[in-house]
Amino acid sequence: MHLEIIGDASQPRRVTILGSTGSIGTQALDVIERAFHEDGAPRFLVTALSAGGGKLELLARQAVATRAAVIGIATGDPEELRAIIHQLAPGYQPQIEAGPNAAALIAALPTDVVLNGVTGSIGLAPTLAALQAGTTLALANKESLIVGGQLVKDAAREHGAQLVPVDSEHSAIAQALRSGTPEEVDRLILTASGGPFRGWQRSELQGVTPAQALKHPTWDMGLMVTTNSATLVNKGLELIEAHLLFDVPLDRIDVVVHPQSVVHSMVQFIDGSTIAQASPPDMRLPIALGLAWPERVRGAAQPCDWSKATEWTFEPLDSEAFPAVELARDAAKQGGTHPAVFNAANEEAVTAFHQGRVDFLGIVNLVEAVLSEHSAGASAEGLTLDAVLNAENWARLRAQERLAKQN
């Protein structure tokens, strides 16, 4: 997918943030607060915020700080949110949208950039809403692209919308791709930290606890993403995402373990050259680039310190201990609704793991079992939102049925 140069850089870029109280959303607001043009004018203007609703006080503080015109919550009492906002800033009265469709409604409002920082496949409807409105979509919600596939790509093309990746790996690839033409690309190389269990044998993973799985050595993320990083399901999802974003065949996308998490991904070109994007692990850099694409935001994150000795290492992925990447590759090759089933079954399995209903190895085992039962489903060309949602519902139900039999 070609990333174009759009917009008027002389004006503040209007931004809507979905998932504003989560990790991506809070870091995005930090970037926005500190981003100014050289003449002192703000780079960004927050027009709307949306969150799940579990952190109303934080959302209220964000609303007051940004003076966003519209605020959305999926759950929770909108009157309680209104009361907190009134207490903090009596003269400020934003429009409040509430309910499961609030994020999608807000994503469709006029703005320049929608940052989708929602976790999970519930981000699909807002992703489609933003693209159908012709808005630039800074996508941190990888699941919506993975489960929506061609549906998402078609929406971007049909409505002239720009889709900019915010995952650090895909942001790195987007930057490296500017070094050559699509015809000159040989391979994409996704880097993985290896998670907290890098180097462990499969037999050693049997007794892993939820607390151990949440101790990621590099990144500070939510429960689902951190667990996915421990199983390497996250890297499998990113492989599918890279395939869809950049139109590179699955057999030309590799995964390599890089525990320092400084080289965020690479592009290998046909002449033997490999272009890598490197920076200390800090999501504010790809977030800033997603908001300002194709421009960079000065001081978004700290650069590497080249005055100090350092060492970067790269290792092959142990697919026997961590089969999730190849399982994801197979799901993507099957196409249609298979990636949606992969993602939905995994979300159910991760939740069950943290509830003590399945062991660590059982997460990917459950995903594989559910995938093996999935019929052909919709083709990529015939993919619809209903087909995706039906496949997800089936996968969640089948995963729960299998879990019930195990307990």
Protein backbone atom coordinates (compact mmCIF):
# COMPACT_ATOMS: atom_id res chain seq x y z
CA MET A 1 0.00 0.00 0.00
CA HIS A 2 1.59 3.29 -1.12
CA LEU A 3 1.81 6.05 1.49
CA GLU A 4 1.15 9.42 -0.05
CA ILE A 5 2.04 12.96 0.98
CA ILE A 6 -1.14 14.76 1.98
CA GLY A 7 -2.47 17.73 3.91
CA ASP A 8 -1.41 21.30 4.60
CA ALA A 9 1.55 21.33 6.99
CA SER A 10 1.09 25.05 7.75
CA GLN A 11 -2.13 24.46 9.71
CA PRO A 12 -2.59 22.50 12.96
CA ARG A 13 -3.53 18.97 12.04
CA ARG A 14 -6.88 18.03 13.60
CA VAL A 15 -6.68 14.72 15.45
CA THR A 16 -9.26 12.28 16.81
CA ILE A 17 -7.91 9.72 19.28
CA LEU A 18 -9.69 6.40 19.82
CA GLY A 19 -8.60 4.55 22.93
CA SER A 20 -7.31 7.75 24.51
CA THR A 21 -6.93 6.33 28.03
CA GLY A 22 -4.86 3.33 26.89
CA SER A 23 -1.12 3.09 26.33
CA ILE A 24 -1.19 4.37 22.72
CA GLY A 25 -3.70 7.12 23.49
CA THR A 26 -1.87 8.54 26.51
CA GLN A 27 1.44 8.56 24.65
CA ALA A 28 -0.20 10.24 21.66
CA LEU A 29 -1.51 13.01 23.89
CA ASP A 30 1.99 13.45 25.30
CA VAL A 31 3.35 13.82 21.76
CA ILE A 32 0.62 16.32 20.87
CA GLU A 33 1.18 18.39 24.02
CA ARG A 34 4.87 18.87 23.17
CA ALA A 35 4.62 19.28 19.38
CA PHE A 36 4.99 22.79 17.97
CA HIS A 37 6.03 24.37 14.68
CA GLU A 38 9.18 26.48 14.68
CA ASP A 39 7.06 29.65 14.97
CA GLY A 40 5.52 28.32 18.19
CA ALA A 41 2.18 27.31 16.68
CA PRO A 42 0.83 23.91 17.76
CA ARG A 43 1.34 21.02 15.33
CA PHE A 44 -1.91 19.30 16.32
CA LEU A 45 -5.41 20.12 17.57
CA VAL A 46 -7.42 17.39 19.33
CA THR A 47 -10.99 17.46 18.06
CA ALA A 48 -12.41 14.28 19.64
CA LEU A 49 -11.54 11.58 22.17
CA SER A 50 -12.99 8.12 22.69
CA ALA A 51 -12.28 5.46 25.31
CA GLY A 52 -13.70 2.26 26.71
CA GLY A 53 -15.13 3.96 29.78
CA GLY A 54 -13.24 2.23 32.56
CA LYS A 55 -11.18 5.32 33.40
CA LEU A 56 -13.67 8.18 33.46
CA GLU A 57 -11.55 10.52 35.59
CA LEU A 58 -8.57 10.16 33.27
CA LEU A 59 -10.78 10.68 30.22
CA ALA A 60 -12.29 13.78 31.82
CA ARG A 61 -8.83 15.22 32.50
CA GLN A 62 -7.81 14.51 28.91
CA ALA A 63 -10.96 16.20 27.65
CA VAL A 64 -10.38 19.30 29.76
CA ALA A 65 -6.71 19.50 28.78
CA THR A 66 -7.44 19.27 25.04
CA ARG A 67 -10.86 20.96 24.98
CA ALA A 68 -11.98 18.27 22.52
CA ALA A 69 -15.42 19.04 21.09
CA VAL A 70 -16.68 15.45 21.27
CA ILE A 71 -16.03 12.71 23.84
CA GLY A 72 -17.09 9.07 23.52
CA ILE A 73 -17.35 6.11 25.90
CA ALA A 74 -18.30 2.54 25.06
CA THR A 75 -19.42 1.72 28.59
CA GLY A 76 -20.05 3.69 31.77
CA ASP A 77 -22.39 6.50 32.73
CA PRO A 78 -22.18 9.53 30.43
CA GLU A 79 -23.76 11.71 33.12
CA GLU A 80 -21.00 10.74 35.55
CA LEU A 81 -18.44 11.73 32.93
CA ARG A 82 -20.26 15.01 32.34
CA ALA A 83 -20.28 15.72 36.10
CA ILE A 84 -16.53 15.10 36.43
CA ILE A 85 -15.82 17.38 33.47
CA HIS A 86 -18.05 20.08 34.93
CA GLN A 87 -16.24 19.86 38.25
CA LEU A 88 -12.87 20.26 36.52
CA ALA A 89 -13.93 22.95 34.05
CA PRO A 90 -17.43 24.40 34.63
CA GLY A 91 -17.52 26.34 31.37
CA TYR A 92 -16.52 23.45 29.11
CA GLN A 93 -19.40 21.36 27.73
CA PRO A 94 -18.32 18.85 25.09
CA GLN A 95 -20.74 16.66 23.20
CA ILE A 96 -20.74 13.17 24.75
CA GLU A 97 -21.50 10.00 22.78
CA ALA A 98 -22.06 6.77 24.71
CA GLY A 99 -22.56 3.13 23.79
CA PRO A 100 -20.83 0.38 21.83
CA ASN A 101 -20.98 2.42 18.60
CA ALA A 102 -19.51 5.59 20.11
CA ALA A 103 -15.99 5.04 18.73
CA ALA A 104 -17.29 4.40 15.21
CA LEU A 105 -19.52 7.48 15.35
CA ILE A 106 -16.62 9.63 16.49
CA ALA A 107 -14.24 8.12 13.91
CA ALA A 108 -16.59 9.32 11.15
CA LEU A 109 -16.57 12.97 12.29
CA PRO A 110 -14.69 15.58 10.23
CA THR A 111 -11.00 15.66 11.18
CA ASP A 112 -7.59 15.27 9.53
CA VAL A 113 -6.26 12.18 11.33
CA VAL A 114 -7.94 9.43 13.31
CA LEU A 115 -5.54 7.54 15.59
CA ASN A 116 -7.06 4.12 16.29
CA GLY A 117 -5.41 2.98 19.52
CA VAL A 118 -8.18 0.55 20.49
CA THR A 119 -7.08 -2.98 21.45
CA GLY A 120 -8.72 -5.97 19.79
CA SER A 121 -11.00 -6.60 16.85
CA ILE A 122 -13.62 -4.21 18.24
CA GLY A 123 -11.49 -1.61 16.47
CA LEU A 124 -12.70 -2.78 13.04
CA ALA A 125 -15.90 -0.70 12.94
CA PRO A 126 -14.07 2.56 13.84
CA THR A 127 -11.35 1.74 11.30
CA LEU A 128 -13.91 1.35 8.53
CA ALA A 129 -15.78 4.48 9.67
CA ALA A 130 -12.63 6.61 9.49
CA LEU A 131 -11.65 5.27 6.06
CA GLN A 132 -15.16 5.65 4.67
CA ALA A 133 -15.05 9.29 5.77
CA GLY A 134 -11.91 9.72 3.67
CA THR A 135 -9.80 10.51 6.73
CA THR A 136 -6.14 9.67 7.26
CA LEU A 137 -6.05 6.68 9.61
CA ALA A 138 -3.05 6.27 11.91
CA LEU A 139 -3.53 2.60 12.72
CA ALA A 140 -2.25 1.14 15.97
CA ASN A 141 -5.16 -1.33 16.11
CA LYS A 142 -3.56 -4.09 14.04
CA GLU A 143 -6.46 -6.46 14.68
CA SER A 144 -8.89 -4.43 12.58
CA LEU A 145 -6.68 -4.75 9.50
CA ILE A 146 -5.99 -8.41 10.17
CA VAL A 147 -9.61 -9.45 10.60
CA GLY A 148 -10.93 -6.98 8.00
CA GLY A 149 -8.22 -7.66 5.42
CA GLN A 150 -9.31 -6.70 1.94
CA LEU A 151 -12.40 -5.02 3.39
CA VAL A 152 -10.18 -2.41 5.05
CA LYS A 153 -7.92 -1.99 2.02
CA ASP A 154 -10.91 -1.55 -0.28
CA ALA A 155 -12.41 1.10 2.02
CA ALA A 156 -9.16 3.08 1.94
CA ARG A 157 -8.94 2.89 -1.85
CA GLU A 158 -12.60 3.60 -2.59
CA HIS A 159 -12.76 6.66 -0.34
CA GLY A 160 -9.30 8.07 -1.06
CA ALA A 161 -8.20 7.63 2.55
CA GLN A 162 -4.60 7.33 3.72
CA LEU A 163 -3.67 4.44 6.03
CA VAL A 164 -0.47 4.98 8.05
CA PRO A 165 0.83 2.19 10.33
CA VAL A 166 1.67 3.02 13.96
CA ASP A 167 3.05 -0.35 15.08
CA SER A 168 6.79 0.23 15.53
CA GLU A 169 7.62 -2.58 13.12
CA HIS A 170 5.37 -1.38 10.32
CA SER A 171 6.31 2.23 10.85
CA ALA A 172 9.93 1.14 10.44
CA ILE A 173 9.11 -0.68 7.20
CA ALA A 174 7.15 2.31 5.87
CA GLN A 175 10.18 4.51 6.51
CA ALA A 176 12.62 2.04 4.95
CA LEU A 177 10.44 1.57 1.87
CA ARG A 178 11.05 5.20 0.95
CA SER A 179 14.56 4.07 -0.06
CA GLY A 180 13.36 2.28 -3.19
CA THR A 181 10.48 1.48 -5.50
CA PRO A 182 8.01 -1.37 -4.84
CA GLU A 183 9.64 -3.35 -7.66
CA GLU A 184 13.01 -3.11 -5.90
CA VAL A 185 11.78 -4.71 -2.66
CA ASP A 186 13.06 -8.24 -2.11
CA ARG A 187 11.96 -9.07 1.45
CA LEU A 188 10.54 -7.54 4.62
CA ILE A 189 12.22 -8.51 7.89
CA LEU A 190 10.15 -8.07 11.04
CA THR A 191 12.17 -7.95 14.25
CA ALA A 192 10.90 -9.50 17.49
CA SER A 193 12.25 -8.98 20.99
CA GLY A 194 11.59 -12.65 21.71
CA GLY A 195 9.50 -11.72 24.74
CA PRO A 196 10.20 -12.80 28.32
CA PHE A 197 10.84 -16.42 27.31
CA ARG A 198 13.44 -15.96 24.59
CA GLY A 199 15.71 -18.99 24.50
CA TRP A 200 13.32 -21.24 26.43
CA GLN A 201 12.58 -24.72 25.14
CA ARG A 202 8.97 -25.73 24.58
CA SER A 203 9.08 -28.10 27.55
CA GLU A 204 10.09 -25.21 29.82
CA LEU A 205 7.03 -23.16 28.84
CA GLN A 206 4.51 -25.61 30.27
CA GLY A 207 4.34 -24.04 33.73
CA VAL A 208 4.55 -20.36 32.77
CA THR A 209 2.31 -18.19 34.97
CA PRO A 210 0.31 -15.10 33.94
CA ALA A 211 2.63 -12.94 36.07
CA GLN A 212 5.66 -14.26 34.19
CA ALA A 213 3.98 -13.71 30.82
CA LEU A 214 3.33 -10.06 31.66
CA LYS A 215 7.00 -9.27 32.41
CA HIS A 216 8.01 -8.08 28.97
CA PRO A 217 11.71 -7.16 28.82
CA THR A 218 11.28 -4.12 26.57
CA TRP A 219 7.78 -2.73 26.13
CA ASP A 220 5.11 -1.56 28.59
CA MET A 221 1.81 -2.69 27.08
CA GLY A 222 -1.65 -3.87 28.11
CA LEU A 223 -2.58 -7.40 29.20
CA MET A 224 -3.60 -8.73 25.77
CA VAL A 225 -0.71 -7.31 23.75
CA THR A 226 1.89 -8.24 26.39
CA THR A 227 0.64 -11.82 26.54
CA ASN A 228 0.59 -11.98 22.74
CA SER A 229 4.21 -10.86 22.78
CA ALA A 230 5.07 -13.68 25.18
CA THR A 231 3.47 -16.31 22.91
CA LEU A 232 4.71 -14.48 19.77
CA VAL A 233 1.11 -14.37 18.54
CA ASN A 234 1.70 -10.63 18.29
CA LYS A 235 4.46 -11.24 15.75
CA GLY A 236 2.16 -13.52 13.81
CA LEU A 237 -0.44 -10.77 13.70
CA GLU A 238 2.22 -8.31 12.58
CA LEU A 239 3.27 -10.65 9.78
CA ILE A 240 -0.29 -10.68 8.45
CA GLU A 241 -0.48 -6.91 8.88
CA ALA A 242 2.75 -6.37 6.93
CA HIS A 243 1.46 -8.57 4.10
CA LEU A 244 -1.74 -6.55 3.86
CA LEU A 245 -0.20 -3.11 4.32
CA PHE A 246 2.67 -3.42 1.87
CA ASP A 247 1.36 -5.99 -0.65
CA VAL A 248 4.40 -8.23 -0.16
CA PRO A 249 3.80 -12.00 -0.49
CA LEU A 250 3.79 -13.97 2.77
CA ASP A 251 6.77 -16.08 1.72
CA ARG A 252 8.84 -12.91 1.38
CA ILE A 253 8.28 -11.74 4.96
CA ASP A 254 10.67 -13.06 7.60
CA VAL A 255 10.80 -12.78 11.40
CA VAL A 256 14.10 -12.47 13.24
CA VAL A 257 14.68 -12.16 16.99
CA HIS A 258 16.42 -8.95 18.06
CA PRO A 259 16.30 -8.74 21.89
CA GLN A 260 17.56 -5.15 22.15
CA SER A 261 14.46 -3.85 20.29
CA VAL A 262 16.43 -1.01 18.72
CA VAL A 263 16.18 -2.10 15.08
CA HIS A 264 12.42 -2.06 14.64
CA SER A 265 12.31 -3.80 11.25
CA MET A 266 14.14 -3.89 7.94
CA VAL A 267 13.60 -3.97 4.19
CA GLN A 268 15.92 -5.98 1.97
CA PHE A 269 16.20 -4.77 -1.63
CA ILE A 270 16.99 -6.71 -4.79
CA ASP A 271 20.56 -5.37 -4.99
CA GLY A 272 21.43 -6.95 -1.63
CA SER A 273 21.06 -3.76 0.39
CA THR A 274 19.12 -3.84 3.66
CA ILE A 275 17.66 -0.64 5.12
CA ALA A 276 16.93 -0.69 8.86
CA GLN A 277 15.15 1.85 11.07
CA ALA A 278 16.74 2.13 14.51
CA SER A 279 15.79 4.04 17.66
CA PRO A 280 15.51 3.27 21.37
CA PRO A 281 12.22 1.49 22.14
CA ASP A 282 9.68 4.30 22.53
CA MET A 283 6.24 4.17 20.91
CA ARG A 284 6.05 7.97 20.82
CA LEU A 285 8.21 7.98 17.69
CA PRO A 286 5.92 5.85 15.46
CA ILE A 287 2.88 7.54 17.00
CA ALA A 288 4.25 10.97 16.10
CA LEU A 289 5.06 9.84 12.57
CA GLY A 290 1.57 8.39 12.21
CA LEU A 291 0.01 11.69 13.26
CA ALA A 292 2.26 13.89 11.12
CA TRP A 293 2.97 11.61 8.11
CA PRO A 294 5.02 12.12 6.03
CA GLU A 295 6.70 14.73 8.25
CA ARG A 296 8.63 14.05 11.42
CA VAL A 297 7.96 15.66 14.80
CA ARG A 298 11.08 17.18 16.33
CA GLY A 299 11.91 15.66 19.73
CA ALA A 300 9.18 13.02 19.61
CA ALA A 301 11.58 10.54 21.24
CA GLN A 302 15.23 10.24 22.21
CA PRO A 303 17.64 9.06 19.48
CA CYS A 304 20.33 6.41 19.84
CA ASP A 305 23.43 7.57 21.72
CA TRP A 306 26.22 6.83 19.27
CA SER A 307 28.91 8.02 21.70
CA LYS A 308 28.47 4.86 23.79
CA ALA A 309 29.57 1.34 22.89
CA THR A 310 26.63 -0.87 22.15
CA GLU A 311 25.83 -4.28 20.71
CA TRP A 312 22.88 -5.49 18.66
CA THR A 313 22.25 -9.17 18.14
CA PHE A 314 19.95 -11.09 15.80
CA GLU A 315 18.80 -14.68 16.21
CA PRO A 316 16.57 -17.04 14.22
CA LEU A 317 13.07 -17.60 15.53
CA ASP A 318 12.54 -20.96 17.30
CA SER A 319 9.33 -22.01 15.57
CA GLU A 320 9.16 -25.28 17.52
CA ALA A 321 8.94 -23.50 20.88
CA PHE A 322 6.87 -20.62 19.45
CA PRO A 323 4.68 -21.93 16.59
CA ALA A 324 2.33 -18.92 16.55
CA VAL A 325 4.11 -17.10 13.71
CA GLU A 326 3.84 -20.00 11.27
CA LEU A 327 0.26 -20.64 12.38
CA ALA A 328 -0.57 -17.02 11.54
CA ARG A 329 1.20 -17.34 8.19
CA ASP A 330 -0.92 -20.40 7.38
CA ALA A 331 -4.11 -18.56 8.39
CA ALA A 332 -3.19 -15.68 6.10
CA LYS A 333 -2.51 -18.10 3.22
CA GLN A 334 -5.98 -19.59 3.74
CA GLY A 335 -7.30 -16.04 3.57
CA GLY A 336 -10.93 -14.98 3.84
CA THR A 337 -12.12 -15.17 7.44
CA HIS A 338 -9.28 -17.39 8.69
CA PRO A 339 -7.26 -14.45 10.11
CA ALA A 340 -10.41 -13.29 11.95
CA VAL A 341 -10.78 -16.76 13.47
CA PHE A 342 -7.10 -16.79 14.43
CA ASN A 343 -7.45 -13.45 16.23
CA ALA A 344 -10.78 -14.16 17.94
CA ALA A 345 -9.75 -17.60 19.19
CA ASN A 346 -6.54 -16.10 20.55
CA GLU A 347 -8.38 -13.34 22.42
CA GLU A 348 -10.55 -15.99 24.10
CA ALA A 349 -7.51 -18.15 24.87
CA VAL A 350 -5.55 -15.28 26.43
CA THR A 351 -8.50 -14.33 28.63
CA ALA A 352 -8.83 -17.97 29.71
CA PHE A 353 -5.10 -18.15 30.49
CA HIS A 354 -5.34 -15.20 32.86
CA GLN A 355 -8.39 -16.80 34.47
CA GLY A 356 -6.45 -20.00 35.10
CA ARG A 357 -8.58 -22.04 32.67
CA VAL A 358 -5.79 -22.98 30.27
CA ASP A 359 -2.01 -23.18 30.55
CA PHE A 360 0.47 -21.07 28.59
CA LEU A 361 1.08 -23.59 25.81
CA GLY A 362 -2.65 -24.13 25.64
CA ILE A 363 -3.17 -20.62 24.25
CA VAL A 364 -1.71 -21.34 20.81
CA ASN A 365 -2.88 -24.98 20.95
CA LEU A 366 -6.46 -23.72 21.32
CA VAL A 367 -6.06 -21.29 18.43
CA GLU A 368 -4.70 -24.06 16.22
CA ALA A 369 -7.56 -26.38 17.16
CA VAL A 370 -10.25 -23.79 16.39
CA LEU A 371 -8.58 -22.87 13.09
CA SER A 372 -8.48 -26.53 12.07
CA GLU A 373 -12.28 -26.67 12.35
CA HIS A 374 -12.94 -23.50 10.39
CA SER A 375 -14.48 -23.97 6.98
CA ALA A 376 -13.37 -21.98 3.95
CA GLY A 377 -15.51 -19.00 4.97
CA ALA A 378 -15.72 -15.89 2.81
CA SER A 379 -13.10 -15.33 0.14
CA ALA A 380 -10.95 -12.22 0.29
CA GLU A 381 -12.90 -10.79 -2.64
CA GLY A 382 -16.27 -11.54 -1.03
CA LEU A 383 -15.36 -10.44 2.47
CA THR A 384 -18.03 -8.41 4.26
CA LEU A 385 -18.31 -6.99 7.75
CA ASP A 386 -21.08 -9.49 8.54
CA ALA A 387 -18.89 -12.40 7.37
CA VAL A 388 -16.05 -11.24 9.60
CA LEU A 389 -18.30 -10.77 12.63
CA ASN A 390 -19.98 -14.15 12.08
CA ALA A 391 -16.60 -15.88 11.82
CA GLU A 392 -15.40 -14.16 14.98
CA ASN A 393 -18.53 -15.12 16.89
CA TRP A 394 -18.17 -18.72 15.75
CA ALA A 395 -14.50 -18.79 16.78
CA ARG A 396 -15.22 -17.37 20.23
CA LEU A 397 -18.05 -19.83 20.81
CA ARG A 398 -15.98 -22.78 19.60
CA ALA A 399 -13.04 -21.73 21.79
CA GLN A 400 -15.33 -21.50 24.82
CA GLU A 401 -16.80 -24.92 24.06
CA ARG A 402 -13.34 -26.46 23.90
CA LEU A 403 -12.32 -24.71 27.13
CA ALA A 404 -15.43 -26.01 28.88
CA LYS A 405 -14.53 -29.58 27.93
CA GLN A 406 -11.03 -29.14 29.34
CA ASN A 407 -12.31 -28.00 32.75
